Amino acid sequence: MTKLIRLVRQTADGWHRENIQSEKWDATDNQSKHTPVSAAVFEKVTAAFSVYGDNGPRILSIDSFDRDSHFECEIEIELPGGVILEVDSQSYMRPMPIPETLAEASDEAAELVSLFVSWCARFGFGKLTDKFDDLRSELNKLFEQWSNDGDAHIDLVDLRIKKEPYWQDSVDGPVQITISCLNEYLLGEDMDIEGWYPGEAVAAVRELHAEMKTRTQAKARLERHGADGFIDLIAMNSLLLDGSIKARPEDYLPILREPDLHPDYKVKCGRLYLEATDSSDARLKWHDGYIDIYDLEIPSTLRESLPGKAITALIEHPFLTSEIIIRDIRKMYDGKDYHRIEIEQPCFFYSRGTGRFWTARELDRSHELYG
């Protein structure tokens, strides 16, 4: 399978767009499907595995990358007992040179795989299998408890050792746990969680509990209203441009349906909101639940009188309408003085499938759901 990946990377003389050709060979493919890189790596790694006999480690896949005339690859290995070891040949944290020829790339990949597999062999393939079985059992019990409590529905997708060149000699880590859970769009998505050792990875999973519980509650709330998500008034006004919440829904509904939103828009717990420096007035910075204003002096008497009033009593802007209420104003400093205006604003439910939207009865406080 061939993929073309476009990446923007930084070098000493600025930012550059880089095209990366990715080729993946899988064990279910025949040998004719090999790329030059995967064929060279397969040959050398297979030769290195001969010391383990017929029931030794086996290669599951080789994902090779051709990046601006140098080579990288990721190799999946199934160890005796079923534990998966993933080896990444490239790390930006290491001082050694990047391989620039096919021979260098395949030699380096084979050397890394052999080194990491030998560590696992010294620990004992059977002991390693038992260790991962215990880890899998611990995670499944944890997810079952959360599901029974109604907090979150999470499934364990994958569990593996993930090695890069800078990892130390240890089979106690690093571990990569892949789970299926709700993302910020409240849609199912696979998430990778890594730790230097199993205990750290499990601790990282436990830290997700409050966040996943919040997303589960938000999704349940939306489903009760027959909605897929919600959007705050400022974001809707910014998409409409003219500030009218009833004008031409076709102007913004196609944007709501797009999975990749404009980078100025963010999604948190199913809610679309604006987060950016204003393109028309650099004094304004839009945030989640508040607006920062620079280069504007607000007398203390006026500042004290504004909470509870419409934002339009202070700022005139196409995105801002009288339904948006000032909750609080504070003076802040980050090298220069500015004012932070906390706001309350209406929120609208929407359906991705139909593009329909409708008003939520309560003011939006969803930015307070979690940190």
Protein backbone atom coordinates (compact mmCIF):
# COMPACT_ATOMS: atom_id res chain seq x y z
CA MET A 1 0.00 0.00 0.00
CA THR A 2 1.42 3.39 -1.04
CA LYS A 3 0.67 6.64 0.78
CA LEU A 4 1.84 10.17 0.00
CA ILE A 5 2.23 12.23 3.17
CA ARG A 6 2.82 15.98 3.07
CA LEU A 7 4.65 17.39 6.06
CA VAL A 8 5.73 20.92 6.95
CA ARG A 9 9.08 20.81 8.74
CA GLN A 10 11.44 23.43 10.14
CA THR A 11 15.09 23.71 9.10
CA ALA A 12 17.81 26.26 9.83
CA ASP A 13 16.64 28.49 6.98
CA GLY A 14 12.90 28.34 7.62
CA TRP A 15 9.83 26.17 7.11
CA HIS A 16 9.60 23.79 4.17
CA ARG A 17 6.93 21.52 2.77
CA GLU A 18 8.17 17.95 2.46
CA ASN A 19 6.60 15.14 0.46
CA ILE A 20 7.07 11.74 2.05
CA GLN A 21 6.46 8.58 0.05
CA SER A 22 5.27 5.81 2.37
CA GLU A 23 5.16 2.16 1.30
CA LYS A 24 3.86 -0.59 3.58
CA TRP A 25 4.53 -4.28 3.10
CA ASP A 26 2.36 -6.64 5.12
CA ALA A 27 2.97 -10.30 5.97
CA THR A 28 -0.26 -11.15 4.15
CA ASP A 29 1.33 -9.80 0.95
CA ASN A 30 3.54 -11.95 -1.22
CA GLN A 31 7.23 -11.19 -1.71
CA SER A 32 6.61 -9.39 -5.01
CA LYS A 33 4.86 -6.60 -3.11
CA HIS A 34 8.08 -5.60 -1.35
CA THR A 35 9.55 -2.17 -1.94
CA PRO A 36 13.34 -1.93 -2.28
CA VAL A 37 13.56 -0.74 1.33
CA SER A 38 11.23 -3.36 2.80
CA ALA A 39 12.89 -6.16 0.77
CA ALA A 40 16.34 -5.23 2.08
CA VAL A 41 15.09 -4.89 5.66
CA PHE A 42 13.12 -8.15 5.45
CA GLU A 43 16.14 -10.09 4.21
CA LYS A 44 18.50 -8.80 6.89
CA VAL A 45 16.04 -9.05 9.80
CA THR A 46 14.96 -12.57 8.78
CA ALA A 47 18.62 -13.63 8.68
CA ALA A 48 19.14 -12.19 12.17
CA PHE A 49 16.11 -14.12 13.49
CA SER A 50 17.55 -17.48 12.35
CA VAL A 51 19.26 -17.85 15.75
CA TYR A 52 15.82 -18.30 17.38
CA GLY A 53 14.80 -21.30 15.26
CA ASP A 54 11.57 -22.05 13.42
CA ASN A 55 9.30 -20.71 16.19
CA GLY A 56 11.18 -17.47 16.69
CA PRO A 57 10.05 -13.88 16.10
CA ARG A 58 8.40 -13.07 12.77
CA ILE A 59 7.93 -9.87 10.78
CA LEU A 60 4.33 -8.67 10.53
CA SER A 61 4.85 -5.52 8.48
CA ILE A 62 7.43 -3.03 7.27
CA ASP A 63 6.38 0.57 6.70
CA SER A 64 9.13 2.37 4.79
CA PHE A 65 9.45 6.10 4.20
CA ASP A 66 11.45 7.89 1.54
CA ARG A 67 11.99 11.40 2.90
CA ASP A 68 13.96 13.85 0.77
CA SER A 69 16.53 11.19 -0.26
CA HIS A 70 16.94 9.53 3.11
CA PHE A 71 15.20 6.45 4.44
CA GLU A 72 13.27 5.49 7.56
CA CYS A 73 11.12 2.50 8.44
CA GLU A 74 8.85 1.07 11.11
CA ILE A 75 8.90 -2.70 11.59
CA GLU A 76 6.24 -4.72 13.41
CA ILE A 77 7.49 -7.95 15.00
CA GLU A 78 5.44 -10.69 16.63
CA LEU A 79 7.50 -12.21 19.43
CA PRO A 80 7.07 -15.84 20.52
CA GLY A 81 3.99 -15.78 22.76
CA GLY A 82 2.18 -13.11 20.73
CA VAL A 83 3.54 -9.83 22.13
CA ILE A 84 3.95 -7.21 19.39
CA LEU A 85 7.16 -5.22 19.19
CA GLU A 86 7.21 -2.10 17.00
CA VAL A 87 10.62 -0.70 16.08
CA ASP A 88 11.01 2.80 14.65
CA SER A 89 14.37 3.23 12.91
CA GLN A 90 14.40 7.02 13.22
CA SER A 91 14.45 9.35 16.20
CA TYR A 92 14.94 13.10 16.21
CA MET A 93 16.43 12.82 19.71
CA ARG A 94 19.53 10.92 18.68
CA PRO A 95 22.86 12.41 17.56
CA MET A 96 23.69 9.75 14.96
CA PRO A 97 23.32 10.64 11.24
CA ILE A 98 20.17 9.85 9.29
CA PRO A 99 20.69 6.93 6.86
CA GLU A 100 20.95 8.25 3.31
CA THR A 101 21.38 5.02 1.35
CA LEU A 102 19.32 1.87 1.12
CA ALA A 103 22.17 -0.23 2.54
CA GLU A 104 22.57 2.09 5.53
CA ALA A 105 18.83 2.14 6.22
CA SER A 106 18.41 -1.65 6.05
CA ASP A 107 21.56 -2.32 8.10
CA GLU A 108 20.45 0.12 10.79
CA ALA A 109 16.90 -1.26 10.93
CA ALA A 110 18.13 -4.86 11.17
CA GLU A 111 20.60 -3.90 13.91
CA LEU A 112 17.92 -2.12 15.96
CA VAL A 113 15.42 -4.96 15.60
CA SER A 114 18.03 -7.53 16.57
CA LEU A 115 19.08 -5.47 19.60
CA PHE A 116 15.54 -4.97 20.90
CA VAL A 117 14.52 -8.59 20.30
CA SER A 118 17.64 -9.80 22.11
CA TRP A 119 16.62 -7.74 25.16
CA CYS A 120 13.20 -9.42 25.09
CA ALA A 121 14.84 -12.85 24.71
CA ARG A 122 17.09 -12.24 27.73
CA PHE A 123 14.06 -11.24 29.79
CA GLY A 124 12.22 -14.32 28.51
CA PHE A 125 9.52 -14.41 25.86
CA GLY A 126 7.22 -16.36 28.18
CA LYS A 127 7.68 -13.91 31.06
CA LEU A 128 7.02 -11.05 28.67
CA THR A 129 3.79 -12.68 27.47
CA ASP A 130 2.64 -13.14 31.07
CA LYS A 131 3.46 -9.52 31.84
CA PHE A 132 1.38 -8.27 28.92
CA ASP A 133 -1.47 -10.65 29.74
CA ASP A 134 -1.57 -9.14 33.25
CA LEU A 135 -1.52 -5.62 31.80
CA ARG A 136 -4.32 -6.44 29.36
CA SER A 137 -6.40 -7.93 32.18
CA GLU A 138 -5.85 -4.85 34.37
CA LEU A 139 -6.95 -2.51 31.60
CA ASN A 140 -10.02 -4.55 30.64
CA LYS A 141 -11.17 -4.66 34.28
CA LEU A 142 -10.71 -0.90 34.54
CA PHE A 143 -12.71 -0.26 31.35
CA GLU A 144 -15.44 -2.67 32.45
CA GLN A 145 -15.76 -0.81 35.76
CA TRP A 146 -16.08 2.55 34.00
CA SER A 147 -18.66 1.12 31.60
CA ASN A 148 -20.72 -0.41 34.43
CA ASP A 149 -20.61 2.92 36.30
CA GLY A 150 -21.88 4.66 33.17
CA ASP A 151 -18.79 6.89 33.12
CA ALA A 152 -17.28 5.98 29.78
CA HIS A 153 -17.21 3.26 27.16
CA ILE A 154 -13.61 2.45 26.23
CA ASP A 155 -12.30 -0.62 24.42
CA LEU A 156 -8.74 -1.89 24.35
CA VAL A 157 -7.66 -2.06 20.71
CA ASP A 158 -3.96 -2.87 20.89
CA LEU A 159 -1.11 -3.33 23.33
CA ARG A 160 2.53 -3.41 22.27
CA ILE A 161 6.14 -2.59 23.02
CA LYS A 162 7.20 0.44 21.01
CA LYS A 163 10.94 1.01 20.64
CA GLU A 164 12.90 3.88 19.15
CA PRO A 165 16.69 4.20 18.97
CA TYR A 166 17.00 6.32 22.12
CA TRP A 167 15.13 3.90 24.45
CA GLN A 168 17.25 2.32 27.14
CA ASP A 169 17.86 -1.40 27.64
CA SER A 170 14.59 -2.33 29.30
CA VAL A 171 11.66 -4.60 28.50
CA ASP A 172 9.65 -2.93 31.25
CA GLY A 173 8.83 -0.26 28.70
CA PRO A 174 8.06 1.65 26.69
CA VAL A 175 4.49 0.47 26.26
CA GLN A 176 1.92 1.79 23.80
CA ILE A 177 -1.74 1.25 24.64
CA THR A 178 -4.30 1.89 21.89
CA ILE A 179 -7.87 2.45 23.02
CA SER A 180 -11.12 3.24 21.24
CA CYS A 181 -12.87 6.17 22.89
CA LEU A 182 -14.73 9.43 22.25
CA ASN A 183 -12.69 12.27 20.77
CA GLU A 184 -13.44 15.99 21.17
CA TYR A 185 -16.02 15.70 18.36
CA LEU A 186 -17.73 13.00 20.50
CA LEU A 187 -17.06 10.50 17.74
CA GLY A 188 -15.32 7.15 18.19
CA GLU A 189 -11.59 7.30 17.57
CA ASP A 190 -8.47 5.27 18.33
CA MET A 191 -6.05 6.95 20.74
CA ASP A 192 -2.44 5.92 21.46
CA ILE A 193 -1.13 6.28 25.01
CA GLU A 194 2.55 5.69 25.72
CA GLY A 195 4.55 5.25 28.89
CA TRP A 196 8.18 4.55 29.71
CA TYR A 197 6.93 1.45 31.53
CA PRO A 198 3.54 -0.31 31.92
CA GLY A 199 2.65 1.38 35.22
CA GLU A 200 3.14 4.83 33.72
CA ALA A 201 0.98 3.96 30.70
CA VAL A 202 -1.82 2.68 32.97
CA ALA A 203 -1.57 5.85 35.07
CA ALA A 204 -1.96 7.91 31.88
CA VAL A 205 -5.08 5.89 31.00
CA ARG A 206 -6.52 6.52 34.49
CA GLU A 207 -5.95 10.25 34.04
CA LEU A 208 -8.37 10.12 31.10
CA HIS A 209 -11.24 9.04 33.35
CA ALA A 210 -12.59 12.51 34.21
CA GLU A 211 -12.24 13.73 30.62
CA MET A 212 -13.96 10.67 29.14
CA LYS A 213 -16.72 10.86 31.73
CA THR A 214 -17.34 14.49 30.71
CA ARG A 215 -17.42 13.57 27.01
CA THR A 216 -19.81 10.69 27.72
CA GLN A 217 -22.14 13.03 29.62
CA ALA A 218 -21.93 15.65 26.85
CA LYS A 219 -22.76 13.05 24.19
CA ALA A 220 -25.73 11.81 26.24
CA ARG A 221 -26.97 15.39 26.60
CA LEU A 222 -26.72 15.96 22.84
CA GLU A 223 -28.47 12.67 22.06
CA ARG A 224 -31.37 13.67 24.34
CA HIS A 225 -31.82 16.69 22.08
CA GLY A 226 -31.34 14.71 18.87
CA ALA A 227 -28.12 16.59 18.13
CA ASP A 228 -24.57 15.64 17.14
CA GLY A 229 -22.85 18.76 18.46
CA PHE A 230 -23.27 22.36 19.38
CA ILE A 231 -21.80 25.68 18.32
CA ASP A 232 -21.59 28.92 20.30
CA LEU A 233 -22.97 32.21 18.98
CA ILE A 234 -19.63 33.90 18.33
CA ALA A 235 -18.46 30.98 16.20
CA MET A 236 -21.76 30.97 14.33
CA ASN A 237 -21.62 34.72 13.77
CA SER A 238 -18.05 34.45 12.54
CA LEU A 239 -19.10 31.81 10.01
CA LEU A 240 -22.04 33.93 8.89
CA LEU A 241 -19.86 37.08 8.82
CA ASP A 242 -22.83 39.43 8.99
CA GLY A 243 -23.65 38.61 12.62
CA SER A 244 -27.22 37.45 11.95
CA ILE A 245 -28.01 34.05 13.45
CA LYS A 246 -30.99 33.59 11.13
CA ALA A 247 -29.30 34.54 7.85
CA ARG A 248 -28.63 32.01 5.11
CA PRO A 249 -27.84 28.73 6.93
CA GLU A 250 -26.20 27.42 3.75
CA ASP A 251 -23.33 29.87 4.38
CA TYR A 252 -22.00 27.89 7.30
CA LEU A 253 -23.59 24.47 7.32
CA PRO A 254 -21.17 23.05 4.72
CA ILE A 255 -18.33 24.12 7.02
CA LEU A 256 -19.95 22.37 9.98
CA ARG A 257 -20.16 19.19 7.94
CA GLU A 258 -16.44 19.26 7.08
CA PRO A 259 -14.35 16.99 9.36
CA ASP A 260 -11.28 19.26 9.05
CA LEU A 261 -12.29 22.68 10.28
CA HIS A 262 -10.44 25.92 9.66
CA PRO A 263 -7.55 26.15 12.16
CA ASP A 264 -9.15 29.19 13.83
CA TYR A 265 -12.00 26.95 14.97
CA LYS A 266 -11.67 24.40 17.75
CA VAL A 267 -13.90 21.65 19.06
CA LYS A 268 -14.16 20.83 22.74
CA CYS A 269 -16.53 18.23 24.08
CA GLY A 270 -18.65 18.43 20.94
CA ARG A 271 -18.86 22.24 20.86
CA LEU A 272 -17.45 24.32 18.01
CA TYR A 273 -15.92 27.63 19.09
CA LEU A 274 -13.59 30.32 17.77
CA GLU A 275 -10.01 30.62 19.01
CA ALA A 276 -7.78 33.05 17.14
CA THR A 277 -6.23 36.48 16.90
CA ASP A 278 -8.73 38.64 15.01
CA SER A 279 -7.69 38.99 11.37
CA SER A 280 -9.45 42.36 11.05
CA ASP A 281 -8.43 43.81 14.43
CA ALA A 282 -5.28 42.42 16.05
CA ARG A 283 -6.28 43.93 19.39
CA LEU A 284 -8.87 41.18 19.82
CA LYS A 285 -8.10 37.56 20.68
CA TRP A 286 -10.96 35.08 20.71
CA HIS A 287 -10.84 32.29 23.29
CA ASP A 288 -13.03 29.64 24.83
CA GLY A 289 -15.51 31.56 26.98
CA TYR A 290 -13.64 34.88 27.01
CA ILE A 291 -12.19 37.64 24.81
CA ASP A 292 -8.87 39.42 25.36
CA ILE A 293 -8.59 43.08 24.33
CA TYR A 294 -5.25 44.86 23.93
CA ASP A 295 -4.50 48.59 23.55
CA LEU A 296 -7.75 49.65 25.13
CA GLU A 297 -8.08 51.58 28.37
CA ILE A 298 -11.28 50.90 30.34
CA PRO A 299 -11.79 53.23 33.34
CA SER A 300 -12.42 51.34 36.57
CA THR A 301 -15.88 52.92 37.03
CA LEU A 302 -16.95 51.73 33.58
CA ARG A 303 -15.37 48.32 34.12
CA GLU A 304 -17.34 47.82 37.33
CA SER A 305 -20.62 48.73 35.62
CA LEU A 306 -20.31 46.35 32.65
CA PRO A 307 -20.91 42.84 34.14
CA GLY A 308 -24.45 41.78 33.23
CA LYS A 309 -24.59 44.03 30.17
CA ALA A 310 -24.38 43.07 26.51
CA ILE A 311 -20.89 42.85 25.03
CA THR A 312 -22.01 45.43 22.45
CA ALA A 313 -21.98 48.05 25.23
CA LEU A 314 -18.18 47.76 25.11
CA ILE A 315 -17.15 46.43 21.67
CA GLU A 316 -18.60 46.85 18.19
CA HIS A 317 -17.69 43.91 15.97
CA PRO A 318 -19.55 41.81 13.35
CA PHE A 319 -19.09 38.66 15.45
CA LEU A 320 -20.62 40.24 18.57
CA THR A 321 -24.35 40.70 19.13
CA SER A 322 -26.46 41.82 22.07
CA GLU A 323 -27.27 38.24 23.16
CA ILE A 324 -23.65 37.87 24.38
CA ILE A 325 -23.44 38.98 28.01
CA ILE A 326 -20.40 40.19 29.97
CA ARG A 327 -19.85 38.14 33.14
CA ASP A 328 -16.63 39.74 34.37
CA ILE A 329 -13.76 41.99 33.28
CA ARG A 330 -10.24 41.67 34.67
CA LYS A 331 -6.99 43.46 33.98
CA MET A 332 -4.23 41.06 32.90
CA TYR A 333 -0.55 41.30 31.97
CA ASP A 334 1.68 39.29 29.64
CA GLY A 335 4.39 41.82 28.84
CA LYS A 336 1.77 44.50 28.37
CA ASP A 337 -1.58 45.25 29.97
CA TYR A 338 -4.79 43.90 28.49
CA HIS A 339 -8.35 43.16 29.59
CA ARG A 340 -9.95 39.73 29.75
CA ILE A 341 -13.72 39.72 29.29
CA GLU A 342 -15.54 36.59 30.45
CA ILE A 343 -18.79 36.07 28.59
CA GLU A 344 -22.01 34.10 28.50
CA GLN A 345 -23.50 33.38 25.10
CA PRO A 346 -26.30 31.35 23.52
CA CYS A 347 -25.45 27.98 22.09
CA PHE A 348 -27.06 26.11 19.20
CA PHE A 349 -27.48 22.39 18.70
CA TYR A 350 -26.80 21.01 15.23
CA SER A 351 -27.10 17.79 13.26
CA ARG A 352 -24.20 16.78 11.02
CA GLY A 353 -26.38 14.59 8.85
CA THR A 354 -29.09 17.15 8.02
CA GLY A 355 -27.26 20.42 8.71
CA ARG A 356 -30.22 21.55 10.86
CA PHE A 357 -29.56 23.78 13.88
CA TRP A 358 -31.74 24.99 16.73
CA THR A 359 -31.37 27.08 19.87
CA ALA A 360 -30.38 25.54 23.19
CA ARG A 361 -32.55 26.82 26.02
CA GLU A 362 -29.77 27.51 28.50
CA LEU A 363 -26.73 29.78 28.16
CA ASP A 364 -23.60 27.92 27.17
CA ARG A 365 -21.25 27.03 30.03
CA SER A 366 -19.67 24.08 28.24
CA HIS A 367 -16.21 25.64 28.41
CA GLU A 368 -16.41 24.95 32.15
CA LEU A 369 -16.95 21.22 31.70
CA TYR A 370 -13.28 20.48 32.13
CA GLY A 371 -9.97 22.35 32.38
